[in-house]
PDB file of N, CA and C in Angstrom:
ATOM      1  N   UNK A   1      -0.920   1.737  25.276  1.00  0.00           N
ATOM      2  CA  UNK A   1      -2.104   2.568  25.315  1.00  0.00           C
ATOM      3  C   UNK A   1      -3.298   1.740  24.881  1.00  0.00           C
ATOM      4  N   UNK A   2      -4.351   1.794  25.653  1.00  0.00           N
ATOM      5  CA  UNK A   2      -5.589   1.089  25.340  1.00  0.00           C
ATOM      6  C   UNK A   2      -6.534   2.070  24.664  1.00  0.00           C
ATOM      7  N   UNK A   3      -6.931   1.757  23.426  1.00  0.00           N
ATOM      8  CA  UNK A   3      -7.832   2.626  22.695  1.00  0.00           C
ATOM      9  C   UNK A   3      -9.223   2.015  22.673  1.00  0.00           C
ATOM     10  N   UNK A   4     -10.214   2.875  22.712  1.00  0.00           N
ATOM     11  CA  UNK A   4     -11.596   2.408  22.663  1.00  0.00           C
ATOM     12  C   UNK A   4     -11.933   1.918  21.263  1.00  0.00           C
ATOM     13  N   UNK A   5     -12.628   0.794  21.185  1.00  0.00           N
ATOM     14  CA  UNK A   5     -13.092   0.272  19.908  1.00  0.00           C
ATOM     15  C   UNK A   5     -14.505   0.787  19.711  1.00  0.00           C
ATOM     16  N   UNK A   6     -14.719   1.457  18.581  1.00  0.00           N
ATOM     17  CA  UNK A   6     -16.013   2.078  18.359  1.00  0.00           C
ATOM     18  C   UNK A   6     -16.227   2.308  16.874  1.00  0.00           C
ATOM     19  N   UNK A   7     -17.485   2.376  16.482  1.00  0.00           N
ATOM     20  CA  UNK A   7     -17.813   2.760  15.116  1.00  0.00           C
ATOM     21  C   UNK A   7     -18.165   4.251  15.054  1.00  0.00           C
ATOM     22  N   UNK A   8     -18.144   4.902  16.203  1.00  0.00           N
ATOM     23  CA  UNK A   8     -18.414   6.330  16.269  1.00  0.00           C
ATOM     24  C   UNK A   8     -17.240   7.077  15.623  1.00  0.00           C
ATOM     25  N   UNK A   9     -17.494   7.869  14.561  1.00  0.00           N
ATOM     26  CA  UNK A   9     -16.400   8.565  13.879  1.00  0.00           C
ATOM     27  C   UNK A   9     -15.555   9.446  14.793  1.00  0.00           C
ATOM     28  N   UNK A  10     -16.166  10.062  15.790  1.00  0.00           N
ATOM     29  CA  UNK A  10     -15.404  10.923  16.701  1.00  0.00           C
ATOM     30  C   UNK A  10     -14.433  10.102  17.549  1.00  0.00           C
ATOM     31  N   UNK A  11     -14.859   8.920  17.967  1.00  0.00           N
ATOM     32  CA  UNK A  11     -13.992   8.056  18.768  1.00  0.00           C
ATOM     33  C   UNK A  11     -12.869   7.505  17.893  1.00  0.00           C
ATOM     34  N   UNK A  12     -13.219   7.098  16.680  1.00  0.00           N
ATOM     35  CA  UNK A  12     -12.202   6.597  15.741  1.00  0.00           C
ATOM     36  C   UNK A  12     -11.164   7.679  15.493  1.00  0.00           C
ATOM     37  N   UNK A  13     -11.616   8.890  15.274  1.00  0.00           N
ATOM     38  CA  UNK A  13     -10.715  10.014  15.023  1.00  0.00           C
ATOM     39  C   UNK A  13      -9.825  10.283  16.234  1.00  0.00           C
ATOM     40  N   UNK A  14     -10.407  10.258  17.407  1.00  0.00           N
ATOM     41  CA  UNK A  14      -9.629  10.472  18.627  1.00  0.00           C
ATOM     42  C   UNK A  14      -8.566   9.398  18.776  1.00  0.00           C
ATOM     43  N   UNK A  15      -8.906   8.158  18.459  1.00  0.00           N
ATOM     44  CA  UNK A  15      -7.940   7.065  18.517  1.00  0.00           C
ATOM     45  C   UNK A  15      -6.790   7.290  17.535  1.00  0.00           C
ATOM     46  N   UNK A  16      -7.131   7.698  16.314  1.00  0.00           N
ATOM     47  CA  UNK A  16      -6.095   7.962  15.313  1.00  0.00           C
ATOM     48  C   UNK A  16      -5.151   9.062  15.775  1.00  0.00           C
ATOM     49  N   UNK A  17      -5.709  10.122  16.327  1.00  0.00           N
ATOM     50  CA  UNK A  17      -4.883  11.232  16.796  1.00  0.00           C
ATOM     51  C   UNK A  17      -4.038  10.838  18.002  1.00  0.00           C
ATOM     52  N   UNK A  18      -4.580   9.989  18.871  1.00  0.00           N
ATOM     53  CA  UNK A  18      -3.803   9.510  20.020  1.00  0.00           C
ATOM     54  C   UNK A  18      -2.627   8.666  19.554  1.00  0.00           C
ATOM     55  N   UNK A  19      -2.855   7.809  18.572  1.00  0.00           N
ATOM     56  CA  UNK A  19      -1.760   6.990  18.030  1.00  0.00           C
ATOM     57  C   UNK A  19      -0.704   7.867  17.375  1.00  0.00           C
ATOM     58  N   UNK A  20      -1.137   8.878  16.649  1.00  0.00           N
ATOM     59  CA  UNK A  20      -0.204   9.802  16.014  1.00  0.00           C
ATOM     60  C   UNK A  20       0.628  10.536  17.070  1.00  0.00           C
ATOM     61  N   UNK A  21      -0.015  11.000  18.121  1.00  0.00           N
ATOM     62  CA  UNK A  21       0.711  11.690  19.194  1.00  0.00           C
ATOM     63  C   UNK A  21       1.730  10.766  19.859  1.00  0.00           C
ATOM     64  N   UNK A  22       1.345   9.522  20.109  1.00  0.00           N
ATOM     65  CA  UNK A  22       2.283   8.557  20.694  1.00  0.00           C
ATOM     66  C   UNK A  22       3.487   8.339  19.783  1.00  0.00           C
ATOM     67  N   UNK A  23       3.225   8.225  18.496  1.00  0.00           N
ATOM     68  CA  UNK A  23       4.312   8.010  17.536  1.00  0.00           C
ATOM     69  C   UNK A  23       5.245   9.219  17.492  1.00  0.00           C
ATOM     70  N   UNK A  24       4.683  10.411  17.570  1.00  0.00           N
ATOM     71  CA  UNK A  24       5.501  11.624  17.577  1.00  0.00           C
ATOM     72  C   UNK A  24       6.377  11.694  18.826  1.00  0.00           C
ATOM     73  N   UNK A  25       5.824  11.313  19.963  1.00  0.00           N
ATOM     74  CA  UNK A  25       6.608  11.316  21.208  1.00  0.00           C
ATOM     75  C   UNK A  25       7.755  10.316  21.104  1.00  0.00           C
ATOM     76  N   UNK A  26       7.474   9.133  20.586  1.00  0.00           N
ATOM     77  CA  UNK A  26       8.529   8.132  20.420  1.00  0.00           C
ATOM     78  C   UNK A  26       9.607   8.623  19.455  1.00  0.00           C
ATOM     79  N   UNK A  27       9.199   9.300  18.387  1.00  0.00           N
ATOM     80  CA  UNK A  27      10.171   9.822  17.425  1.00  0.00           C
ATOM     81  C   UNK A  27      11.053  10.887  18.066  1.00  0.00           C
ATOM     82  N   UNK A  28      10.463  11.717  18.901  1.00  0.00           N
ATOM     83  CA  UNK A  28      11.235  12.744  19.602  1.00  0.00           C
ATOM     84  C   UNK A  28      12.248  12.104  20.541  1.00  0.00           C
ATOM     85  N   UNK A  29      11.817  11.089  21.267  1.00  0.00           N
ATOM     86  CA  UNK A  29      12.732  10.390  22.169  1.00  0.00           C
ATOM     87  C   UNK A  29      13.893   9.762  21.390  1.00  0.00           C
ATOM     88  N   UNK A  30      13.595   9.184  20.234  1.00  0.00           N
ATOM     89  CA  UNK A  30      14.644   8.581  19.409  1.00  0.00           C
ATOM     90  C   UNK A  30      15.592   9.648  18.870  1.00  0.00           C
ATOM     91  N   UNK A  31      15.058  10.795  18.488  1.00  0.00           N
ATOM     92  CA  UNK A  31      15.899  11.889  17.997  1.00  0.00           C
ATOM     93  C   UNK A  31      16.863  12.354  19.084  1.00  0.00           C
ATOM     94  N   UNK A  32      16.349  12.493  20.292  1.00  0.00           N
ATOM     95  CA  UNK A  32      17.195  12.902  21.413  1.00  0.00           C
ATOM     96  C   UNK A  32      18.274  11.856  21.665  1.00  0.00           C
ATOM     97  N   UNK A  33      17.899  10.575  21.629  1.00  0.00           N
ATOM     98  CA  UNK A  33      18.874   9.507  21.845  1.00  0.00           C
ATOM     99  C   UNK A  33      19.977   9.560  20.798  1.00  0.00           C
ATOM    100  N   UNK A  34      19.609   9.757  19.544  1.00  0.00           N
ATOM    101  CA  UNK A  34      20.614   9.829  18.484  1.00  0.00           C
ATOM    102  C   UNK A  34      21.489  11.075  18.625  1.00  0.00           C
ATOM    103  N   UNK A  35      20.882  12.192  19.003  1.00  0.00           N
ATOM    104  CA  UNK A  35      21.615  13.455  19.098  1.00  0.00           C
ATOM    105  C   UNK A  35      22.585  13.484  20.275  1.00  0.00           C
ATOM    106  N   UNK A  36      22.267  12.757  21.321  1.00  0.00           N
ATOM    107  CA  UNK A  36      23.125  12.799  22.512  1.00  0.00           C
ATOM    108  C   UNK A  36      24.128  11.652  22.567  1.00  0.00           C
ATOM    109  N   UNK A  37      24.066  10.778  21.599  1.00  0.00           N
ATOM    110  CA  UNK A  37      24.984   9.643  21.557  1.00  0.00           C
ATOM    111  C   UNK A  37      25.924   9.750  20.370  1.00  0.00           C
ATOM    112  N   UNK A  38      26.629   8.697  20.165  1.00  0.00           N
ATOM    113  CA  UNK A  38      27.559   8.631  19.036  1.00  0.00           C
ATOM    114  C   UNK A  38      26.894   7.845  17.912  1.00  0.00           C
ATOM    115  N   UNK A  39      25.834   8.420  17.353  1.00  0.00           N
ATOM    116  CA  UNK A  39      25.082   7.748  16.297  1.00  0.00           C
ATOM    117  C   UNK A  39      25.873   7.749  14.993  1.00  0.00           C
ATOM    118  N   UNK A  40      25.834   6.622  14.334  1.00  0.00           N
ATOM    119  CA  UNK A  40      26.474   6.493  13.029  1.00  0.00           C
ATOM    120  C   UNK A  40      25.621   7.212  11.983  1.00  0.00           C
ATOM    121  N   UNK A  41      26.257   7.692  10.914  1.00  0.00           N
ATOM    122  CA  UNK A  41      25.490   8.365   9.861  1.00  0.00           C
ATOM    123  C   UNK A  41      24.326   7.529   9.327  1.00  0.00           C
ATOM    124  N   UNK A  42      24.516   6.233   9.233  1.00  0.00           N
ATOM    125  CA  UNK A  42      23.433   5.392   8.714  1.00  0.00           C
ATOM    126  C   UNK A  42      22.236   5.391   9.659  1.00  0.00           C
ATOM    127  N   UNK A  43      22.479   5.485  10.966  1.00  0.00           N
ATOM    128  CA  UNK A  43      21.371   5.567  11.925  1.00  0.00           C
ATOM    129  C   UNK A  43      20.555   6.833  11.690  1.00  0.00           C
ATOM    130  N   UNK A  44      21.247   7.938  11.431  1.00  0.00           N
ATOM    131  CA  UNK A  44      20.555   9.191  11.152  1.00  0.00           C
ATOM    132  C   UNK A  44      19.775   9.102   9.850  1.00  0.00           C
ATOM    133  N   UNK A  45      20.351   8.490   8.839  1.00  0.00           N
ATOM    134  CA  UNK A  45      19.652   8.350   7.553  1.00  0.00           C
ATOM    135  C   UNK A  45      18.353   7.577   7.723  1.00  0.00           C
ATOM    136  N   UNK A  46      18.427   6.468   8.442  1.00  0.00           N
ATOM    137  CA  UNK A  46      17.238   5.654   8.685  1.00  0.00           C
ATOM    138  C   UNK A  46      16.210   6.445   9.493  1.00  0.00           C
ATOM    139  N   UNK A  47      16.667   7.135  10.509  1.00  0.00           N
ATOM    140  CA  UNK A  47      15.757   7.905  11.359  1.00  0.00           C
ATOM    141  C   UNK A  47      15.105   9.040  10.569  1.00  0.00           C
ATOM    142  N   UNK A  48      15.867   9.723   9.748  1.00  0.00           N
ATOM    143  CA  UNK A  48      15.298  10.812   8.953  1.00  0.00           C
ATOM    144  C   UNK A  48      14.284  10.294   7.941  1.00  0.00           C
ATOM    145  N   UNK A  49      14.526   9.132   7.361  1.00  0.00           N
ATOM    146  CA  UNK A  49      13.535   8.511   6.472  1.00  0.00           C
ATOM    147  C   UNK A  49      12.248   8.220   7.230  1.00  0.00           C
ATOM    148  N   UNK A  50      12.408   7.709   8.445  1.00  0.00           N
ATOM    149  CA  UNK A  50      11.258   7.423   9.299  1.00  0.00           C
ATOM    150  C   UNK A  50      10.485   8.708   9.615  1.00  0.00           C
ATOM    151  N   UNK A  51      11.198   9.776   9.946  1.00  0.00           N
ATOM    152  CA  UNK A  51      10.537  11.045  10.258  1.00  0.00           C
ATOM    153  C   UNK A  51       9.784  11.590   9.049  1.00  0.00           C
ATOM    154  N   UNK A  52      10.366  11.467   7.870  1.00  0.00           N
ATOM    155  CA  UNK A  52       9.682  11.931   6.648  1.00  0.00           C
ATOM    156  C   UNK A  52       8.405  11.126   6.400  1.00  0.00           C
ATOM    157  N   UNK A  53       8.491   9.826   6.590  1.00  0.00           N
ATOM    158  CA  UNK A  53       7.313   8.979   6.410  1.00  0.00           C
ATOM    159  C   UNK A  53       6.240   9.323   7.442  1.00  0.00           C
ATOM    160  N   UNK A  54       6.668   9.537   8.665  1.00  0.00           N
ATOM    161  CA  UNK A  54       5.730   9.891   9.712  1.00  0.00           C
ATOM    162  C   UNK A  54       5.088  11.255   9.432  1.00  0.00           C
ATOM    163  N   UNK A  55       5.851  12.162   8.885  1.00  0.00           N
ATOM    164  CA  UNK A  55       5.313  13.470   8.524  1.00  0.00           C
ATOM    165  C   UNK A  55       4.200  13.322   7.485  1.00  0.00           C
ATOM    166  N   UNK A  56       4.435  12.469   6.493  1.00  0.00           N
ATOM    167  CA  UNK A  56       3.426  12.233   5.462  1.00  0.00           C
ATOM    168  C   UNK A  56       2.166  11.625   6.077  1.00  0.00           C
ATOM    169  N   UNK A  57       2.329  10.608   6.904  1.00  0.00           N
ATOM    170  CA  UNK A  57       1.190   9.957   7.545  1.00  0.00           C
ATOM    171  C   UNK A  57       0.464  10.938   8.463  1.00  0.00           C
ATOM    172  N   UNK A  58       1.217  11.748   9.189  1.00  0.00           N
ATOM    173  CA  UNK A  58       0.602  12.742  10.069  1.00  0.00           C
ATOM    174  C   UNK A  58      -0.230  13.749   9.309  1.00  0.00           C
ATOM    175  N   UNK A  59       0.292  14.231   8.204  1.00  0.00           N
ATOM    176  CA  UNK A  59      -0.469  15.190   7.386  1.00  0.00           C
ATOM    177  C   UNK A  59      -1.735  14.546   6.831  1.00  0.00           C
ATOM    178  N   UNK A  60      -1.618  13.303   6.373  1.00  0.00           N
ATOM    179  CA  UNK A  60      -2.797  12.598   5.855  1.00  0.00           C
ATOM    180  C   UNK A  60      -3.840  12.394   6.955  1.00  0.00           C
ATOM    181  N   UNK A  61      -3.374  12.021   8.118  1.00  0.00           N
ATOM    182  CA  UNK A  61      -4.288  11.788   9.245  1.00  0.00           C
ATOM    183  C   UNK A  61      -5.000  13.082   9.638  1.00  0.00           C
ATOM    184  N   UNK A  62      -4.246  14.164   9.722  1.00  0.00           N
ATOM    185  CA  UNK A  62      -4.846  15.433  10.122  1.00  0.00           C
ATOM    186  C   UNK A  62      -5.750  16.019   9.041  1.00  0.00           C
ATOM    187  N   UNK A  63      -5.476  15.717   7.783  1.00  0.00           N
ATOM    188  CA  UNK A  63      -6.263  16.270   6.687  1.00  0.00           C
ATOM    189  C   UNK A  63      -7.566  15.498   6.452  1.00  0.00           C
ATOM    190  N   UNK A  64      -7.600  14.242   6.854  1.00  0.00           N
ATOM    191  CA  UNK A  64      -8.780  13.405   6.592  1.00  0.00           C
ATOM    192  C   UNK A  64      -9.905  13.759   7.558  1.00  0.00           C
ATOM    193  N   UNK A  65     -11.099  13.970   7.019  1.00  0.00           N
ATOM    194  CA  UNK A  65     -12.233  14.221   7.912  1.00  0.00           C
ATOM    195  C   UNK A  65     -12.614  12.939   8.657  1.00  0.00           C
ATOM    196  N   UNK A  66     -13.125  13.091   9.847  1.00  0.00           N
ATOM    197  CA  UNK A  66     -13.496  11.934  10.681  1.00  0.00           C
ATOM    198  C   UNK A  66     -14.546  11.069  10.000  1.00  0.00           C
ATOM    199  N   UNK A  67     -15.418  11.669   9.219  1.00  0.00           N
ATOM    200  CA  UNK A  67     -16.499  10.905   8.596  1.00  0.00           C
ATOM    201  C   UNK A  67     -16.024  10.005   7.468  1.00  0.00           C
ATOM    202  N   UNK A  68     -14.800  10.200   6.961  1.00  0.00           N
ATOM    203  CA  UNK A  68     -14.307   9.374   5.853  1.00  0.00           C
ATOM    204  C   UNK A  68     -13.674   8.085   6.328  1.00  0.00           C
ATOM    205  N   UNK A  69     -13.582   7.873   7.620  1.00  0.00           N
ATOM    206  CA  UNK A  69     -12.920   6.694   8.166  1.00  0.00           C
ATOM    207  C   UNK A  69     -13.910   5.599   8.430  1.00  0.00           C
TER     208      UNK A  69
END
């Protein structure tokens, strides 16, 4: 994905949200891959840690006003 480089807070915010959406889509694809395969318990543990971290980052991203970036 090519993101616009800008000092405009609205563009910066849009870029952050686009990156977050891409990361969420990738996480969903990985979850489906693990759920439909013979994933080892350790794979699930690592993936769940990743999802928790992504949840924290997502909440921070959504909570931050565009002007603070």
